[in-house]
Amino acid sequence: LRSVVIDGVNMGCPCCGVHDCDNTLNSVRDRFCPEHAHFRQQCAVTSCSEPVQQGFKTCLLSEHRQLELHYYERGEAMFQLKTHLEHL
């Protein structure tokens, strides 16, 4: 992701998940350009080349699945409430 900071607001245009790839994405929701679309079927952990499981971006390895679940958990309200409670 290439970004520019203007008045404290981060802005950037979406780019391919492959390092230094300048191809455009078909949609802002895509992770990879059409040329690198085959990487969608590979685990999101950069050091892993196992296939993903349906409905996930990671493989069956429990460590990789925990990373993905923790990533999505951070956006949940209960996770944020737990963090605020710990600070009190």
N, C-alpha and C. Protein backbone atom coordinates (compact mmCIF):
# COMPACT_ATOMS: atom_id res chain seq x y z
N LEU A 1 0.86 -1.17 0.00
CA LEU A 1 0.00 0.00 0.00
C LEU A 1 0.90 1.22 0.00
N ARG A 2 0.67 2.10 -0.92
CA ARG A 2 1.38 3.37 -0.96
C ARG A 2 0.43 4.45 -0.45
N SER A 3 0.90 5.26 0.48
CA SER A 3 -0.02 6.22 1.08
C SER A 3 0.60 7.61 1.14
N VAL A 4 -0.28 8.59 1.35
CA VAL A 4 0.11 9.99 1.50
C VAL A 4 -0.63 10.50 2.73
N VAL A 5 0.05 11.28 3.58
CA VAL A 5 -0.59 11.84 4.76
C VAL A 5 -0.87 13.31 4.49
N ILE A 6 -2.16 13.66 4.57
CA ILE A 6 -2.59 15.03 4.34
C ILE A 6 -3.49 15.44 5.49
N ASP A 7 -3.10 16.46 6.24
CA ASP A 7 -3.90 16.94 7.37
C ASP A 7 -4.26 15.82 8.35
N GLY A 8 -3.35 14.87 8.54
CA GLY A 8 -3.60 13.79 9.48
C GLY A 8 -4.49 12.69 8.95
N VAL A 9 -4.88 12.75 7.70
CA VAL A 9 -5.73 11.74 7.10
C VAL A 9 -4.87 10.88 6.17
N ASN A 10 -4.91 9.56 6.37
CA ASN A 10 -4.16 8.66 5.51
C ASN A 10 -4.96 8.35 4.26
N MET A 11 -4.34 8.51 3.12
CA MET A 11 -5.00 8.21 1.86
C MET A 11 -4.04 7.39 1.01
N GLY A 12 -4.56 6.53 0.21
CA GLY A 12 -3.72 5.74 -0.68
C GLY A 12 -4.58 4.96 -1.64
N CYS A 13 -3.98 4.52 -2.70
CA CYS A 13 -4.75 3.70 -3.62
C CYS A 13 -4.37 2.25 -3.40
N PRO A 14 -5.33 1.34 -3.50
CA PRO A 14 -5.03 -0.07 -3.28
C PRO A 14 -4.10 -0.60 -4.36
N CYS A 15 -3.20 -1.48 -3.95
CA CYS A 15 -2.27 -2.07 -4.91
C CYS A 15 -2.16 -3.57 -4.62
N CYS A 16 -1.55 -4.27 -5.52
CA CYS A 16 -1.39 -5.71 -5.44
C CYS A 16 -0.57 -6.09 -4.20
N GLY A 17 -0.88 -7.24 -3.63
CA GLY A 17 -0.18 -7.72 -2.45
C GLY A 17 1.21 -8.25 -2.73
N VAL A 18 1.59 -8.38 -3.99
CA VAL A 18 2.94 -8.81 -4.34
C VAL A 18 3.84 -7.58 -4.34
N HIS A 19 4.95 -7.68 -3.64
CA HIS A 19 5.86 -6.55 -3.47
C HIS A 19 6.31 -5.99 -4.82
N ASP A 20 6.24 -4.68 -4.97
CA ASP A 20 6.65 -3.93 -6.17
C ASP A 20 5.85 -4.25 -7.42
N CYS A 21 4.65 -4.77 -7.28
CA CYS A 21 3.78 -4.99 -8.44
C CYS A 21 2.97 -3.73 -8.67
N ASP A 22 3.02 -3.18 -9.87
CA ASP A 22 2.32 -1.94 -10.19
C ASP A 22 1.03 -2.16 -10.96
N ASN A 23 0.61 -3.41 -11.13
CA ASN A 23 -0.63 -3.69 -11.85
C ASN A 23 -1.83 -3.20 -11.04
N THR A 24 -2.87 -2.77 -11.74
CA THR A 24 -4.07 -2.30 -11.05
C THR A 24 -4.95 -3.47 -10.64
N LEU A 25 -5.73 -3.25 -9.60
CA LEU A 25 -6.66 -4.27 -9.13
C LEU A 25 -7.98 -4.13 -9.87
N ASN A 26 -8.70 -5.24 -10.02
CA ASN A 26 -10.02 -5.18 -10.63
C ASN A 26 -11.03 -4.48 -9.72
N SER A 27 -10.84 -4.62 -8.42
CA SER A 27 -11.74 -4.04 -7.44
C SER A 27 -10.92 -3.61 -6.23
N VAL A 28 -11.39 -2.63 -5.47
CA VAL A 28 -10.68 -2.20 -4.28
C VAL A 28 -10.71 -3.28 -3.20
N ARG A 29 -11.58 -4.27 -3.34
CA ARG A 29 -11.66 -5.36 -2.37
C ARG A 29 -10.68 -6.49 -2.67
N ASP A 30 -10.03 -6.46 -3.83
CA ASP A 30 -9.08 -7.51 -4.20
C ASP A 30 -7.77 -7.33 -3.45
N ARG A 31 -7.11 -8.45 -3.17
CA ARG A 31 -5.78 -8.42 -2.57
C ARG A 31 -4.69 -8.48 -3.62
N PHE A 32 -5.00 -9.10 -4.75
CA PHE A 32 -4.01 -9.30 -5.80
C PHE A 32 -4.57 -8.87 -7.14
N CYS A 33 -3.66 -8.46 -8.03
CA CYS A 33 -4.04 -8.08 -9.39
C CYS A 33 -4.37 -9.36 -10.18
N PRO A 34 -4.95 -9.23 -11.38
CA PRO A 34 -5.29 -10.42 -12.17
C PRO A 34 -4.08 -11.31 -12.47
N GLU A 35 -2.91 -10.72 -12.64
CA GLU A 35 -1.72 -11.51 -12.94
C GLU A 35 -1.30 -12.39 -11.75
N HIS A 36 -1.52 -11.91 -10.54
CA HIS A 36 -1.13 -12.65 -9.34
C HIS A 36 -2.33 -13.24 -8.59
N ALA A 37 -3.45 -13.38 -9.26
CA ALA A 37 -4.68 -13.87 -8.63
C ALA A 37 -4.53 -15.26 -8.04
N HIS A 38 -3.61 -16.06 -8.56
CA HIS A 38 -3.42 -17.43 -8.06
C HIS A 38 -2.94 -17.44 -6.60
N PHE A 39 -2.39 -16.33 -6.11
CA PHE A 39 -1.94 -16.26 -4.72
C PHE A 39 -3.11 -16.23 -3.74
N ARG A 40 -4.32 -15.99 -4.22
CA ARG A 40 -5.50 -16.02 -3.33
C ARG A 40 -5.71 -17.41 -2.75
N GLN A 41 -5.21 -18.44 -3.45
CA GLN A 41 -5.39 -19.82 -2.99
C GLN A 41 -4.24 -20.27 -2.10
N GLN A 42 -3.33 -19.35 -1.75
CA GLN A 42 -2.18 -19.66 -0.91
C GLN A 42 -2.35 -18.98 0.44
N CYS A 43 -1.86 -19.62 1.50
CA CYS A 43 -1.97 -19.10 2.86
C CYS A 43 -1.46 -17.66 2.93
N ALA A 44 -2.14 -16.82 3.71
CA ALA A 44 -1.78 -15.40 3.82
C ALA A 44 -0.49 -15.18 4.61
N VAL A 45 -0.04 -16.19 5.36
CA VAL A 45 1.22 -16.07 6.08
C VAL A 45 2.34 -16.15 5.05
N THR A 46 3.20 -15.16 5.02
CA THR A 46 4.18 -15.03 3.93
C THR A 46 5.15 -16.20 3.84
N SER A 47 5.46 -16.84 4.94
CA SER A 47 6.42 -17.94 4.92
C SER A 47 5.76 -19.30 4.63
N CYS A 48 4.46 -19.31 4.36
CA CYS A 48 3.72 -20.55 4.14
C CYS A 48 3.18 -20.60 2.71
N SER A 49 3.27 -21.76 2.10
CA SER A 49 2.75 -21.92 0.73
C SER A 49 1.63 -22.95 0.66
N GLU A 50 1.06 -23.30 1.80
CA GLU A 50 -0.05 -24.26 1.85
C GLU A 50 -1.32 -23.64 1.28
N PRO A 51 -2.24 -24.46 0.78
CA PRO A 51 -3.50 -23.91 0.26
C PRO A 51 -4.41 -23.43 1.38
N VAL A 52 -5.21 -22.41 1.09
CA VAL A 52 -6.16 -21.88 2.07
C VAL A 52 -7.35 -22.82 2.21
N GLN A 53 -8.03 -22.71 3.33
CA GLN A 53 -9.26 -23.44 3.55
C GLN A 53 -10.44 -22.54 3.20
N GLN A 54 -11.51 -23.11 2.72
CA GLN A 54 -12.65 -22.33 2.27
C GLN A 54 -13.18 -21.44 3.40
N GLY A 55 -13.37 -20.17 3.10
CA GLY A 55 -13.86 -19.20 4.07
C GLY A 55 -12.77 -18.53 4.89
N PHE A 56 -11.52 -18.91 4.67
CA PHE A 56 -10.40 -18.34 5.41
C PHE A 56 -9.34 -17.86 4.44
N LYS A 57 -8.38 -17.10 4.96
CA LYS A 57 -7.24 -16.66 4.17
C LYS A 57 -5.97 -17.38 4.60
N THR A 58 -6.13 -18.34 5.52
CA THR A 58 -5.00 -19.12 6.01
C THR A 58 -5.24 -20.61 5.82
N CYS A 59 -4.17 -21.39 6.03
CA CYS A 59 -4.25 -22.85 5.88
C CYS A 59 -4.77 -23.48 7.17
N LEU A 60 -4.66 -24.80 7.26
CA LEU A 60 -5.16 -25.52 8.43
C LEU A 60 -4.26 -25.45 9.66
N LEU A 61 -3.03 -24.99 9.52
CA LEU A 61 -2.13 -24.92 10.68
C LEU A 61 -2.75 -24.03 11.76
N SER A 62 -2.79 -24.54 12.98
CA SER A 62 -3.48 -23.82 14.06
C SER A 62 -2.84 -22.45 14.35
N GLU A 63 -1.51 -22.35 14.22
CA GLU A 63 -0.85 -21.06 14.48
C GLU A 63 -1.29 -20.01 13.46
N HIS A 64 -1.42 -20.43 12.21
CA HIS A 64 -1.82 -19.50 11.16
C HIS A 64 -3.29 -19.11 11.33
N ARG A 65 -4.13 -20.07 11.69
CA ARG A 65 -5.54 -19.78 11.90
C ARG A 65 -5.72 -18.84 13.07
N GLN A 66 -4.95 -19.03 14.14
CA GLN A 66 -5.04 -18.14 15.30
C GLN A 66 -4.65 -16.71 14.93
N LEU A 67 -3.64 -16.55 14.08
CA LEU A 67 -3.26 -15.21 13.62
C LEU A 67 -4.42 -14.53 12.91
N GLU A 68 -5.09 -15.27 12.03
CA GLU A 68 -6.21 -14.69 11.29
C GLU A 68 -7.38 -14.36 12.21
N LEU A 69 -7.71 -15.27 13.10
CA LEU A 69 -8.83 -15.03 14.01
C LEU A 69 -8.54 -13.86 14.95
N HIS A 70 -7.30 -13.75 15.41
CA HIS A 70 -6.93 -12.62 16.26
C HIS A 70 -7.02 -11.31 15.49
N TYR A 71 -6.63 -11.33 14.23
CA TYR A 71 -6.71 -10.14 13.39
C TYR A 71 -8.16 -9.64 13.31
N TYR A 72 -9.10 -10.54 13.07
CA TYR A 72 -10.51 -10.14 12.96
C TYR A 72 -11.10 -9.81 14.32
N GLU A 73 -10.61 -10.46 15.38
CA GLU A 73 -11.12 -10.19 16.72
C GLU A 73 -10.83 -8.76 17.15
N ARG A 74 -9.71 -8.20 16.70
CA ARG A 74 -9.34 -6.83 17.10
C ARG A 74 -10.37 -5.81 16.66
N GLY A 75 -11.15 -6.11 15.63
CA GLY A 75 -12.17 -5.18 15.17
C GLY A 75 -13.48 -5.31 15.92
N GLU A 76 -13.59 -6.33 16.76
CA GLU A 76 -14.83 -6.56 17.50
C GLU A 76 -14.91 -5.66 18.73
N ALA A 77 -16.11 -5.31 19.09
CA ALA A 77 -16.34 -4.41 20.23
C ALA A 77 -15.87 -5.05 21.54
N MET A 78 -16.07 -6.35 21.72
CA MET A 78 -15.69 -6.99 22.97
C MET A 78 -14.18 -6.93 23.17
N PHE A 79 -13.42 -7.09 22.11
CA PHE A 79 -11.96 -6.99 22.21
C PHE A 79 -11.56 -5.58 22.66
N GLN A 80 -12.21 -4.58 22.11
CA GLN A 80 -11.91 -3.20 22.48
C GLN A 80 -12.30 -2.93 23.93
N LEU A 81 -13.42 -3.48 24.37
CA LEU A 81 -13.84 -3.30 25.76
C LEU A 81 -12.87 -3.96 26.72
N LYS A 82 -12.35 -5.14 26.37
CA LYS A 82 -11.37 -5.83 27.20
C LYS A 82 -10.11 -4.98 27.33
N THR A 83 -9.68 -4.38 26.24
CA THR A 83 -8.48 -3.53 26.27
C THR A 83 -8.69 -2.33 27.17
N HIS A 84 -9.84 -1.69 27.07
CA HIS A 84 -10.13 -0.54 27.92
C HIS A 84 -10.18 -0.94 29.39
N LEU A 85 -10.75 -2.11 29.67
CA LEU A 85 -10.84 -2.60 31.05
C LEU A 85 -9.45 -2.87 31.60
N GLU A 86 -8.55 -3.42 30.80
CA GLU A 86 -7.19 -3.70 31.24
C GLU A 86 -6.46 -2.41 31.59
N HIS A 87 -6.71 -1.34 30.84
CA HIS A 87 -6.05 -0.06 31.11
C HIS A 87 -6.54 0.58 32.41
N LEU A 88 -7.79 0.28 32.78
CA LEU A 88 -8.32 0.84 34.05
C LEU A 88 -7.67 0.13 35.21
